[in-house]
């Protein structure tokens, strides 16, 4: 059954969004595939500042996702793959939402909006690096039309991962 996706709005993260990201990502379930726990507030302060720079320089970043009420529920967006291993030089799309917004279509709606913005910015293709156990994120990649192109082992955690790709 296809249902309508929820209304979402993306914005370049503000200074205040660092506090919202820290709060939303404090849930161990949210962080299961991202190290198991939220980072310190200072990490989110630096991350939101870096995303403002990315947006100004590249026309895209990890945007804050706002629900219909204007509340920050997580982030989605894209940035250059930051590691020496994996798809070096590629643009990675990603998303992370608070637990209360899982299973409601927010990740798909926000990621779809991200793809439109990336097309406008002239990005030719994107990858998504997903933990092989993360069924929810794998489902989002499928809804976006991404295809599995590689399986890998993450050097730091030794977990199996999948690399998905989409030509824009």
Protein backbone atom coordinates (compact mmCIF):
# COMPACT_ATOMS: atom_id res chain seq x y z
CA UNK A 1 0.00 0.00 0.00
CA UNK A 2 1.42 3.40 -0.98
CA UNK A 3 0.72 6.21 1.41
CA UNK A 4 1.39 9.89 1.09
CA UNK A 5 4.72 11.00 2.47
CA UNK A 6 4.64 13.51 5.31
CA UNK A 7 5.42 17.16 4.71
CA UNK A 8 9.02 17.95 5.56
CA UNK A 9 11.12 21.04 5.22
CA UNK A 10 14.90 21.09 4.95
CA UNK A 11 17.02 23.98 6.16
CA UNK A 12 20.68 24.71 6.57
CA UNK A 13 21.35 23.87 10.23
CA UNK A 14 21.42 26.78 12.65
CA UNK A 15 23.48 27.11 15.82
CA UNK A 16 20.38 26.05 17.76
CA UNK A 17 20.03 22.90 15.65
CA UNK A 18 23.17 21.50 17.30
CA UNK A 19 21.14 21.29 20.53
CA UNK A 20 18.21 19.68 18.69
CA UNK A 21 20.46 17.10 16.98
CA UNK A 22 22.13 16.30 20.30
CA UNK A 23 18.72 15.78 21.93
CA UNK A 24 17.17 13.79 19.06
CA UNK A 25 20.22 11.53 18.69
CA UNK A 26 20.57 10.83 22.45
CA UNK A 27 18.49 7.64 21.97
CA UNK A 28 20.71 4.50 21.81
CA UNK A 29 18.32 2.97 19.23
CA UNK A 30 18.88 5.94 16.92
CA UNK A 31 22.64 5.58 17.30
CA UNK A 32 22.75 1.76 16.98
CA UNK A 33 24.51 1.92 13.60
CA UNK A 34 26.48 5.10 14.42
CA UNK A 35 28.64 4.12 17.35
CA UNK A 36 25.89 3.32 19.85
CA UNK A 37 25.56 6.67 21.59
CA UNK A 38 25.21 10.34 20.80
CA UNK A 39 28.29 12.47 20.58
CA UNK A 40 28.98 15.34 22.95
CA UNK A 41 27.18 18.61 22.22
CA UNK A 42 30.44 20.18 21.01
CA UNK A 43 30.61 17.60 18.18
CA UNK A 44 27.14 18.64 16.96
CA UNK A 45 28.10 22.31 17.28
CA UNK A 46 31.11 21.72 15.03
CA UNK A 47 29.07 19.52 12.67
CA UNK A 48 26.33 22.12 12.16
CA UNK A 49 28.97 24.84 11.57
CA UNK A 50 30.69 22.60 9.00
CA UNK A 51 27.36 21.99 7.26
CA UNK A 52 26.80 25.74 6.91
CA UNK A 53 30.19 25.97 5.21
CA UNK A 54 29.40 23.00 2.94
CA UNK A 55 26.13 24.60 1.88
CA UNK A 56 27.81 27.95 1.13
CA UNK A 57 30.66 26.30 -0.80
CA UNK A 58 28.90 23.40 -2.53
CA UNK A 59 25.19 24.19 -2.48
CA UNK A 60 24.41 21.12 -0.36
CA UNK A 61 25.03 19.79 3.13
CA UNK A 62 23.39 17.78 5.87
CA UNK A 63 20.19 19.78 6.32
CA UNK A 64 18.02 19.79 9.39
CA UNK A 65 14.72 18.01 8.76
CA UNK A 66 11.68 19.83 10.13
CA UNK A 67 8.29 18.21 10.50
CA UNK A 68 4.97 19.91 9.75
CA UNK A 69 5.11 21.71 13.11
CA UNK A 70 8.57 23.11 12.43
CA UNK A 71 10.31 20.86 14.95
CA UNK A 72 13.76 19.46 14.12
CA UNK A 73 13.39 15.68 13.81
CA UNK A 74 16.86 14.85 12.46
CA UNK A 75 18.96 15.50 9.39
CA UNK A 76 19.33 14.43 5.79
CA UNK A 77 21.56 15.58 3.01
CA UNK A 78 24.85 14.86 1.36
CA UNK A 79 28.52 15.50 1.76
CA UNK A 80 31.78 14.17 0.36
CA UNK A 81 32.67 10.72 1.69
CA UNK A 82 35.13 11.56 4.51
CA UNK A 83 37.21 8.38 4.78
CA UNK A 84 40.27 7.03 2.97
CA UNK A 85 38.51 3.66 2.51
CA UNK A 86 35.28 3.18 0.56
CA UNK A 87 33.98 5.47 -2.18
CA UNK A 88 36.68 8.15 -1.98
CA UNK A 89 35.72 11.30 -3.88
CA UNK A 90 32.03 10.35 -4.02
CA UNK A 91 29.10 12.29 -2.61
CA UNK A 92 27.29 10.32 0.08
CA UNK A 93 23.62 10.86 0.83
CA UNK A 94 22.48 10.09 4.35
CA UNK A 95 19.73 10.54 6.91
CA UNK A 96 19.22 10.16 10.64
CA UNK A 97 15.93 10.76 12.41
CA UNK A 98 14.67 10.68 15.95
CA UNK A 99 12.97 7.43 16.98
CA UNK A 100 9.51 9.03 17.15
CA UNK A 101 9.66 9.67 13.40
CA UNK A 102 10.69 6.21 12.20
CA UNK A 103 8.34 4.27 9.95
CA UNK A 104 6.27 7.30 8.98
CA UNK A 105 7.94 8.21 5.69
CA UNK A 106 10.04 11.13 6.98
CA UNK A 107 13.37 9.65 5.87
CA UNK A 108 12.06 8.89 2.38
CA UNK A 109 10.43 12.31 2.01
CA UNK A 110 13.52 14.15 3.23
CA UNK A 111 15.93 12.04 1.15
CA UNK A 112 13.79 12.55 -1.96
CA UNK A 113 13.91 16.32 -1.40
CA UNK A 114 17.68 15.99 -0.98
CA UNK A 115 17.99 14.24 -4.35
CA UNK A 116 16.14 17.11 -6.03
CA UNK A 117 18.48 19.64 -4.46
CA UNK A 118 21.54 17.63 -5.47
CA UNK A 119 20.34 17.46 -9.07
CA UNK A 120 19.98 21.25 -9.07
CA UNK A 121 23.52 21.54 -7.65
CA UNK A 122 24.84 19.46 -10.57
CA UNK A 123 25.81 16.35 -8.59
CA UNK A 124 25.94 13.50 -11.16
CA UNK A 125 25.45 10.57 -8.75
CA UNK A 126 25.37 9.69 -5.05
CA UNK A 127 26.25 6.74 -2.87
CA UNK A 128 24.75 5.61 0.42
CA UNK A 129 26.90 3.63 2.83
CA UNK A 130 24.60 1.51 5.02
CA UNK A 131 25.25 -1.04 7.74
CA UNK A 132 24.03 -4.39 6.37
CA UNK A 133 21.84 -4.89 9.47
CA UNK A 134 20.06 -1.54 9.07
CA UNK A 135 16.88 -2.74 7.36
CA UNK A 136 15.15 0.65 7.68
CA UNK A 137 17.89 2.53 5.83
CA UNK A 138 18.16 -0.21 3.23
CA UNK A 139 14.41 0.19 2.62
CA UNK A 140 14.91 3.94 2.09
CA UNK A 141 17.64 3.29 -0.49
CA UNK A 142 15.23 1.02 -2.37
CA UNK A 143 12.43 3.59 -2.28
CA UNK A 144 14.88 6.12 -3.75
CA UNK A 145 15.73 3.73 -6.59
CA UNK A 146 19.32 3.13 -5.48
CA UNK A 147 21.09 -0.08 -6.44
CA UNK A 148 23.51 -2.17 -4.40
CA UNK A 149 26.96 -1.92 -5.99
CA UNK A 150 29.32 -3.23 -3.31
CA UNK A 151 29.51 -5.07 -0.02
CA UNK A 152 32.34 -4.18 2.33
CA UNK A 153 33.67 -4.55 5.86
CA UNK A 154 33.95 -1.32 7.82
CA UNK A 155 37.56 -1.01 9.03
CA UNK A 156 36.77 0.51 12.44
CA UNK A 157 33.89 -1.75 13.51
CA UNK A 158 34.53 -4.78 11.27
CA UNK A 159 30.81 -4.77 10.41
CA UNK A 160 29.41 -5.68 7.02
CA UNK A 161 28.12 -2.76 5.02
CA UNK A 162 26.50 -2.06 1.70
CA UNK A 163 27.25 0.67 -0.80
CA UNK A 164 24.25 1.79 -2.84
CA UNK A 165 24.47 4.09 -5.86
CA UNK A 166 22.07 6.30 -7.79
CA UNK A 167 22.76 8.21 -10.99
CA UNK A 168 21.05 11.58 -10.89
